[in-house]
Amino acid sequence: GNTWVLNKTLHDLGLVGPIRKAVLDQGTPY
């Protein structure tokens, strides 16, 4: 979809850190 909307929403909701932790540290498939 639209990358700008997606990226801003992730930042607004405080999701960047949790997603990185899930994928990189916990091994959650992406």
PDB file of all heavy atoms in Angstrom:
ATOM      1  N   GLY A   1       0.855  -1.186   0.000  1.00  0.00           N
ATOM      2  CA  GLY A   1       0.000   0.000   0.000  1.00  0.00           C
ATOM      3  C   GLY A   1       0.887   1.231   0.000  1.00  0.00           C
ATOM      4  O   GLY A   1       1.927   1.246  -0.671  1.00  0.00           O
ATOM      5  N   ASN A   2       0.532   2.241   0.768  1.00  0.00           N
ATOM      6  CA  ASN A   2       1.339   3.455   0.820  1.00  0.00           C
ATOM      7  C   ASN A   2       2.344   3.378   1.967  1.00  0.00           C
ATOM      8  O   ASN A   2       1.969   3.309   3.133  1.00  0.00           O
ATOM      9  CB  ASN A   2       0.460   4.691   0.971  1.00  0.00           C
ATOM     10  CG  ASN A   2       1.268   5.968   0.764  1.00  0.00           C
ATOM     11  OD1 ASN A   2       1.979   6.406   1.654  1.00  0.00           O
ATOM     12  ND2 ASN A   2       1.167   6.551  -0.426  1.00  0.00           N
ATOM     13  N   THR A   3       3.618   3.399   1.621  1.00  0.00           N
ATOM     14  CA  THR A   3       4.678   3.230   2.604  1.00  0.00           C
ATOM     15  C   THR A   3       4.710   4.351   3.629  1.00  0.00           C
ATOM     16  O   THR A   3       4.981   4.131   4.809  1.00  0.00           O
ATOM     17  CB  THR A   3       6.046   3.142   1.896  1.00  0.00           C
ATOM     18  OG1 THR A   3       5.964   2.185   0.837  1.00  0.00           O
ATOM     19  CG2 THR A   3       7.128   2.722   2.850  1.00  0.00           C
ATOM     20  N   TRP A   4       4.457   5.574   3.177  1.00  0.00           N
ATOM     21  CA  TRP A   4       4.493   6.723   4.091  1.00  0.00           C
ATOM     22  C   TRP A   4       3.448   6.586   5.191  1.00  0.00           C
ATOM     23  O   TRP A   4       3.726   6.815   6.374  1.00  0.00           O
ATOM     24  CB  TRP A   4       4.270   8.020   3.324  1.00  0.00           C
ATOM     25  CG  TRP A   4       5.366   8.345   2.371  1.00  0.00           C
ATOM     26  CD1 TRP A   4       5.481   7.906   1.077  1.00  0.00           C
ATOM     27  CD2 TRP A   4       6.518   9.157   2.612  1.00  0.00           C
ATOM     28  NE1 TRP A   4       6.636   8.405   0.504  1.00  0.00           N
ATOM     29  CE2 TRP A   4       7.280   9.180   1.422  1.00  0.00           C
ATOM     30  CE3 TRP A   4       6.957   9.882   3.714  1.00  0.00           C
ATOM     31  CZ2 TRP A   4       8.465   9.885   1.312  1.00  0.00           C
ATOM     32  CZ3 TRP A   4       8.148  10.599   3.597  1.00  0.00           C
ATOM     33  CH2 TRP A   4       8.887  10.588   2.420  1.00  0.00           C
ATOM     34  N   VAL A   5       2.230   6.223   4.811  1.00  0.00           N
ATOM     35  CA  VAL A   5       1.156   6.051   5.795  1.00  0.00           C
ATOM     36  C   VAL A   5       1.502   4.916   6.747  1.00  0.00           C
ATOM     37  O   VAL A   5       1.349   5.040   7.975  1.00  0.00           O
ATOM     38  CB  VAL A   5      -0.187   5.775   5.091  1.00  0.00           C
ATOM     39  CG1 VAL A   5      -1.286   5.526   6.119  1.00  0.00           C
ATOM     40  CG2 VAL A   5      -0.573   6.941   4.183  1.00  0.00           C
ATOM     41  N   LEU A   6       1.966   3.804   6.196  1.00  0.00           N
ATOM     42  CA  LEU A   6       2.334   2.650   7.020  1.00  0.00           C
ATOM     43  C   LEU A   6       3.412   3.012   8.027  1.00  0.00           C
ATOM     44  O   LEU A   6       3.281   2.757   9.228  1.00  0.00           O
ATOM     45  CB  LEU A   6       2.808   1.516   6.105  1.00  0.00           C
ATOM     46  CG  LEU A   6       3.464   0.314   6.784  1.00  0.00           C
ATOM     47  CD1 LEU A   6       2.486  -0.375   7.715  1.00  0.00           C
ATOM     48  CD2 LEU A   6       4.005  -0.652   5.736  1.00  0.00           C
ATOM     49  N   ASN A   7       4.494   3.606   7.556  1.00  0.00           N
ATOM     50  CA  ASN A   7       5.623   3.905   8.433  1.00  0.00           C
ATOM     51  C   ASN A   7       5.248   4.899   9.530  1.00  0.00           C
ATOM     52  O   ASN A   7       5.606   4.722  10.696  1.00  0.00           O
ATOM     53  CB  ASN A   7       6.787   4.450   7.606  1.00  0.00           C
ATOM     54  CG  ASN A   7       8.104   4.376   8.345  1.00  0.00           C
ATOM     55  OD1 ASN A   7       8.493   3.321   8.827  1.00  0.00           O
ATOM     56  ND2 ASN A   7       8.811   5.495   8.432  1.00  0.00           N
ATOM     57  N   LYS A   8       4.513   5.945   9.162  1.00  0.00           N
ATOM     58  CA  LYS A   8       4.106   6.931  10.165  1.00  0.00           C
ATOM     59  C   LYS A   8       3.190   6.305  11.217  1.00  0.00           C
ATOM     60  O   LYS A   8       3.308   6.599  12.414  1.00  0.00           O
ATOM     61  CB  LYS A   8       3.405   8.120   9.511  1.00  0.00           C
ATOM     62  CG  LYS A   8       3.070   9.252  10.497  1.00  0.00           C
ATOM     63  CD  LYS A   8       2.499  10.455   9.787  1.00  0.00           C
ATOM     64  CE  LYS A   8       2.309  11.617  10.762  1.00  0.00           C
ATOM     65  NZ  LYS A   8       1.389  11.301  11.865  1.00  0.00           N
ATOM     66  N   THR A   9       2.297   5.426  10.779  1.00  0.00           N
ATOM     67  CA  THR A   9       1.386   4.784  11.726  1.00  0.00           C
ATOM     68  C   THR A   9       2.155   3.909  12.706  1.00  0.00           C
ATOM     69  O   THR A   9       1.859   3.889  13.910  1.00  0.00           O
ATOM     70  CB  THR A   9       0.338   3.944  10.980  1.00  0.00           C
ATOM     71  OG1 THR A   9      -0.358   4.778  10.045  1.00  0.00           O
ATOM     72  CG2 THR A   9      -0.680   3.352  11.955  1.00  0.00           C
ATOM     73  N   LEU A  10       3.159   3.193  12.208  1.00  0.00           N
ATOM     74  CA  LEU A  10       3.972   2.364  13.101  1.00  0.00           C
ATOM     75  C   LEU A  10       4.675   3.218  14.153  1.00  0.00           C
ATOM     76  O   LEU A  10       4.749   2.855  15.334  1.00  0.00           O
ATOM     77  CB  LEU A  10       5.004   1.573  12.295  1.00  0.00           C
ATOM     78  CG  LEU A  10       4.470   0.509  11.333  1.00  0.00           C
ATOM     79  CD1 LEU A  10       5.634  -0.199  10.650  1.00  0.00           C
ATOM     80  CD2 LEU A  10       3.581  -0.494  12.050  1.00  0.00           C
ATOM     81  N   HIS A  11       5.189   4.367  13.741  1.00  0.00           N
ATOM     82  CA  HIS A  11       5.829   5.274  14.693  1.00  0.00           C
ATOM     83  C   HIS A  11       4.807   5.859  15.659  1.00  0.00           C
ATOM     84  O   HIS A  11       5.052   5.930  16.874  1.00  0.00           O
ATOM     85  CB  HIS A  11       6.565   6.390  13.946  1.00  0.00           C
ATOM     86  CG  HIS A  11       7.894   5.974  13.400  1.00  0.00           C
ATOM     87  ND1 HIS A  11       9.051   5.986  14.139  1.00  0.00           N
ATOM     88  CD2 HIS A  11       8.253   5.513  12.170  1.00  0.00           C
ATOM     89  CE1 HIS A  11      10.062   5.575  13.406  1.00  0.00           C
ATOM     90  NE2 HIS A  11       9.607   5.279  12.195  1.00  0.00           N
ATOM     91  N   ASP A  12       3.663   6.286  15.148  1.00  0.00           N
ATOM     92  CA  ASP A  12       2.635   6.890  15.998  1.00  0.00           C
ATOM     93  C   ASP A  12       2.153   5.932  17.084  1.00  0.00           C
ATOM     94  O   ASP A  12       1.839   6.347  18.207  1.00  0.00           O
ATOM     95  CB  ASP A  12       1.434   7.339  15.155  1.00  0.00           C
ATOM     96  CG  ASP A  12       1.733   8.550  14.288  1.00  0.00           C
ATOM     97  OD1 ASP A  12       2.782   9.199  14.510  1.00  0.00           O
ATOM     98  OD2 ASP A  12       0.921   8.855  13.390  1.00  0.00           O
ATOM     99  N   LEU A  13       2.078   4.651  16.748  1.00  0.00           N
ATOM    100  CA  LEU A  13       1.575   3.647  17.691  1.00  0.00           C
ATOM    101  C   LEU A  13       2.684   3.018  18.535  1.00  0.00           C
ATOM    102  O   LEU A  13       2.417   2.118  19.342  1.00  0.00           O
ATOM    103  CB  LEU A  13       0.816   2.550  16.939  1.00  0.00           C
ATOM    104  CG  LEU A  13      -0.446   2.985  16.191  1.00  0.00           C
ATOM    105  CD1 LEU A  13      -1.060   1.800  15.459  1.00  0.00           C
ATOM    106  CD2 LEU A  13      -1.458   3.586  17.160  1.00  0.00           C
ATOM    107  N   GLY A  14       3.900   3.465  18.349  1.00  0.00           N
ATOM    108  CA  GLY A  14       5.010   2.928  19.132  1.00  0.00           C
ATOM    109  C   GLY A  14       5.318   1.476  18.818  1.00  0.00           C
ATOM    110  O   GLY A  14       5.690   0.699  19.718  1.00  0.00           O
ATOM    111  N   LEU A  15       5.217   1.112  17.538  1.00  0.00           N
ATOM    112  CA  LEU A  15       5.349  -0.290  17.152  1.00  0.00           C
ATOM    113  C   LEU A  15       6.704  -0.657  16.551  1.00  0.00           C
ATOM    114  O   LEU A  15       7.001  -1.845  16.394  1.00  0.00           O
ATOM    115  CB  LEU A  15       4.254  -0.653  16.143  1.00  0.00           C
ATOM    116  CG  LEU A  15       2.832  -0.687  16.700  1.00  0.00           C
ATOM    117  CD1 LEU A  15       1.823  -0.824  15.572  1.00  0.00           C
ATOM    118  CD2 LEU A  15       2.680  -1.834  17.694  1.00  0.00           C
ATOM    119  N   VAL A  16       7.520   0.325  16.209  1.00  0.00           N
ATOM    120  CA  VAL A  16       8.803   0.021  15.562  1.00  0.00           C
ATOM    121  C   VAL A  16       9.678  -0.839  16.478  1.00  0.00           C
ATOM    122  O   VAL A  16      10.203  -1.879  16.067  1.00  0.00           O
ATOM    123  CB  VAL A  16       9.535   1.312  15.155  1.00  0.00           C
ATOM    124  CG1 VAL A  16      10.954   1.000  14.685  1.00  0.00           C
ATOM    125  CG2 VAL A  16       8.759   2.023  14.047  1.00  0.00           C
ATOM    126  N   GLY A  17       9.845  -0.420  17.708  1.00  0.00           N
ATOM    127  CA  GLY A  17      10.660  -1.175  18.665  1.00  0.00           C
ATOM    128  C   GLY A  17      10.130  -2.581  18.912  1.00  0.00           C
ATOM    129  O   GLY A  17      10.886  -3.557  18.841  1.00  0.00           O
ATOM    130  N   PRO A  18       8.834  -2.722  19.230  1.00  0.00           N
ATOM    131  CA  PRO A  18       8.280  -4.060  19.464  1.00  0.00           C
ATOM    132  C   PRO A  18       8.402  -4.994  18.260  1.00  0.00           C
ATOM    133  O   PRO A  18       8.665  -6.192  18.440  1.00  0.00           O
ATOM    134  CB  PRO A  18       6.806  -3.768  19.783  1.00  0.00           C
ATOM    135  CG  PRO A  18       6.831  -2.416  20.402  1.00  0.00           C
ATOM    136  CD  PRO A  18       7.883  -1.670  19.632  1.00  0.00           C
ATOM    137  N   ILE A  19       8.223  -4.472  17.038  1.00  0.00           N
ATOM    138  CA  ILE A  19       8.357  -5.328  15.861  1.00  0.00           C
ATOM    139  C   ILE A  19       9.806  -5.777  15.703  1.00  0.00           C
ATOM    140  O   ILE A  19      10.093  -6.956  15.437  1.00  0.00           O
ATOM    141  CB  ILE A  19       7.871  -4.608  14.592  1.00  0.00           C
ATOM    142  CG1 ILE A  19       6.353  -4.361  14.663  1.00  0.00           C
ATOM    143  CG2 ILE A  19       8.210  -5.425  13.342  1.00  0.00           C
ATOM    144  CD1 ILE A  19       5.814  -3.501  13.540  1.00  0.00           C
ATOM    145  N   ARG A  20      10.752  -4.847  15.843  1.00  0.00           N
ATOM    146  CA  ARG A  20      12.164  -5.205  15.747  1.00  0.00           C
ATOM    147  C   ARG A  20      12.528  -6.269  16.785  1.00  0.00           C
ATOM    148  O   ARG A  20      13.231  -7.246  16.469  1.00  0.00           O
ATOM    149  CB  ARG A  20      13.050  -3.973  15.952  1.00  0.00           C
ATOM    150  CG  ARG A  20      13.182  -3.084  14.737  1.00  0.00           C
ATOM    151  CD  ARG A  20      14.087  -1.882  15.025  1.00  0.00           C
ATOM    152  NE  ARG A  20      15.355  -2.248  15.638  1.00  0.00           N
ATOM    153  CZ  ARG A  20      16.406  -2.715  14.967  1.00  0.00           C
ATOM    154  NH1 ARG A  20      16.324  -2.883  13.660  1.00  0.00           N
ATOM    155  NH2 ARG A  20      17.522  -3.009  15.599  1.00  0.00           N
ATOM    156  N   LYS A  21      12.066  -6.095  17.993  1.00  0.00           N
ATOM    157  CA  LYS A  21      12.373  -7.057  19.060  1.00  0.00           C
ATOM    158  C   LYS A  21      11.788  -8.420  18.739  1.00  0.00           C
ATOM    159  O   LYS A  21      12.445  -9.457  18.906  1.00  0.00           O
ATOM    160  CB  LYS A  21      11.835  -6.556  20.398  1.00  0.00           C
ATOM    161  CG  LYS A  21      12.172  -7.474  21.569  1.00  0.00           C
ATOM    162  CD  LYS A  21      11.709  -6.893  22.893  1.00  0.00           C
ATOM    163  CE  LYS A  21      12.084  -7.832  24.044  1.00  0.00           C
ATOM    164  NZ  LYS A  21      11.642  -7.274  25.356  1.00  0.00           N
ATOM    165  N   ALA A  22      10.534  -8.432  18.263  1.00  0.00           N
ATOM    166  CA  ALA A  22       9.882  -9.704  17.941  1.00  0.00           C
ATOM    167  C   ALA A  22      10.626 -10.448  16.844  1.00  0.00           C
ATOM    168  O   ALA A  22      10.882 -11.652  16.948  1.00  0.00           O
ATOM    169  CB  ALA A  22       8.431  -9.449  17.530  1.00  0.00           C
ATOM    170  N   VAL A  23      10.998  -9.709  15.776  1.00  0.00           N
ATOM    171  CA  VAL A  23      11.610 -10.346  14.609  1.00  0.00           C
ATOM    172  C   VAL A  23      13.075 -10.686  14.845  1.00  0.00           C
ATOM    173  O   VAL A  23      13.532 -11.799  14.541  1.00  0.00           O
ATOM    174  CB  VAL A  23      11.465  -9.447  13.368  1.00  0.00           C
ATOM    175  CG1 VAL A  23      12.185 -10.047  12.168  1.00  0.00           C
ATOM    176  CG2 VAL A  23       9.993  -9.227  13.046  1.00  0.00           C
ATOM    177  N   LEU A  24      13.829  -9.750  15.378  1.00  0.00           N
ATOM    178  CA  LEU A  24      15.272  -9.931  15.505  1.00  0.00           C
ATOM    179  C   LEU A  24      15.677 -10.692  16.754  1.00  0.00           C
ATOM    180  O   LEU A  24      16.650 -11.455  16.740  1.00  0.00           O
ATOM    181  CB  LEU A  24      15.968  -8.571  15.478  1.00  0.00           C
ATOM    182  CG  LEU A  24      15.785  -7.745  14.201  1.00  0.00           C
ATOM    183  CD1 LEU A  24      16.494  -6.402  14.326  1.00  0.00           C
ATOM    184  CD2 LEU A  24      16.283  -8.507  12.978  1.00  0.00           C
ATOM    185  N   ASP A  25      14.959 -10.495  17.851  1.00  0.00           N
ATOM    186  CA  ASP A  25      15.347 -11.121  19.120  1.00  0.00           C
ATOM    187  C   ASP A  25      14.565 -12.394  19.421  1.00  0.00           C
ATOM    188  O   ASP A  25      15.126 -13.364  19.909  1.00  0.00           O
ATOM    189  CB  ASP A  25      15.174 -10.127  20.282  1.00  0.00           C
ATOM    190  CG  ASP A  25      16.071  -8.913  20.157  1.00  0.00           C
ATOM    191  OD1 ASP A  25      17.062  -8.984  19.412  1.00  0.00           O
ATOM    192  OD2 ASP A  25      15.785  -7.888  20.808  1.00  0.00           O
ATOM    193  N   GLN A  26      13.261 -12.371  19.121  1.00  0.00           N
ATOM    194  CA  GLN A  26      12.421 -13.512  19.454  1.00  0.00           C
ATOM    195  C   GLN A  26      12.264 -14.491  18.291  1.00  0.00           C
ATOM    196  O   GLN A  26      11.746 -15.591  18.472  1.00  0.00           O
ATOM    197  CB  GLN A  26      11.031 -13.029  19.905  1.00  0.00           C
ATOM    198  CG  GLN A  26      11.075 -12.170  21.163  1.00  0.00           C
ATOM    199  CD  GLN A  26       9.756 -11.464  21.437  1.00  0.00           C
ATOM    200  OE1 GLN A  26       9.708 -10.439  22.118  1.00  0.00           O
ATOM    201  NE2 GLN A  26       8.675 -12.002  20.905  1.00  0.00           N
ATOM    202  N   GLY A  27      12.716 -14.087  17.096  1.00  0.00           N
ATOM    203  CA  GLY A  27      12.631 -14.976  15.953  1.00  0.00           C
ATOM    204  C   GLY A  27      11.249 -15.111  15.348  1.00  0.00           C
ATOM    205  O   GLY A  27      10.966 -16.073  14.632  1.00  0.00           O
ATOM    206  N   THR A  28      10.368 -14.150  15.614  1.00  0.00           N
ATOM    207  CA  THR A  28       9.023 -14.178  15.029  1.00  0.00           C
ATOM    208  C   THR A  28       9.134 -14.029  13.514  1.00  0.00           C
ATOM    209  O   THR A  28       9.748 -13.075  13.036  1.00  0.00           O
ATOM    210  CB  THR A  28       8.157 -13.040  15.593  1.00  0.00           C
ATOM    211  OG1 THR A  28       8.126 -13.129  17.022  1.00  0.00           O
ATOM    212  CG2 THR A  28       6.733 -13.125  15.055  1.00  0.00           C
ATOM    213  N   PRO A  29       8.567 -14.961  12.741  1.00  0.00           N
ATOM    214  CA  PRO A  29       8.664 -14.844  11.278  1.00  0.00           C
ATOM    215  C   PRO A  29       7.969 -13.596  10.765  1.00  0.00           C
ATOM    216  O   PRO A  29       6.930 -13.183  11.305  1.00  0.00           O
ATOM    217  CB  PRO A  29       7.978 -16.120  10.776  1.00  0.00           C
ATOM    218  CG  PRO A  29       7.135 -16.597  11.904  1.00  0.00           C
ATOM    219  CD  PRO A  29       7.832 -16.167  13.154  1.00  0.00           C
ATOM    220  N   TYR A  30       8.529 -13.010   9.725  1.00  0.00           N
ATOM    221  CA  TYR A  30       8.042 -11.764   9.141  1.00  0.00           C
ATOM    222  C   TYR A  30       7.882 -11.955   7.646  1.00  0.00           C
ATOM    223  O   TYR A  30       8.794 -12.453   6.983  1.00  0.00           O
ATOM    224  CB  TYR A  30       9.037 -10.641   9.436  1.00  0.00           C
ATOM    225  CG  TYR A  30       8.696  -9.274   8.862  1.00  0.00           C
ATOM    226  CD1 TYR A  30       8.176  -8.278   9.680  1.00  0.00           C
ATOM    227  CD2 TYR A  30       8.936  -8.967   7.519  1.00  0.00           C
ATOM    228  CE1 TYR A  30       7.901  -7.012   9.176  1.00  0.00           C
ATOM    229  CE2 TYR A  30       8.646  -7.708   7.005  1.00  0.00           C
ATOM    230  CZ  TYR A  30       8.138  -6.734   7.842  1.00  0.00           C
ATOM    231  OH  TYR A  30       7.860  -5.489   7.331  1.00  0.00           O
TER     232      TYR A  30
END
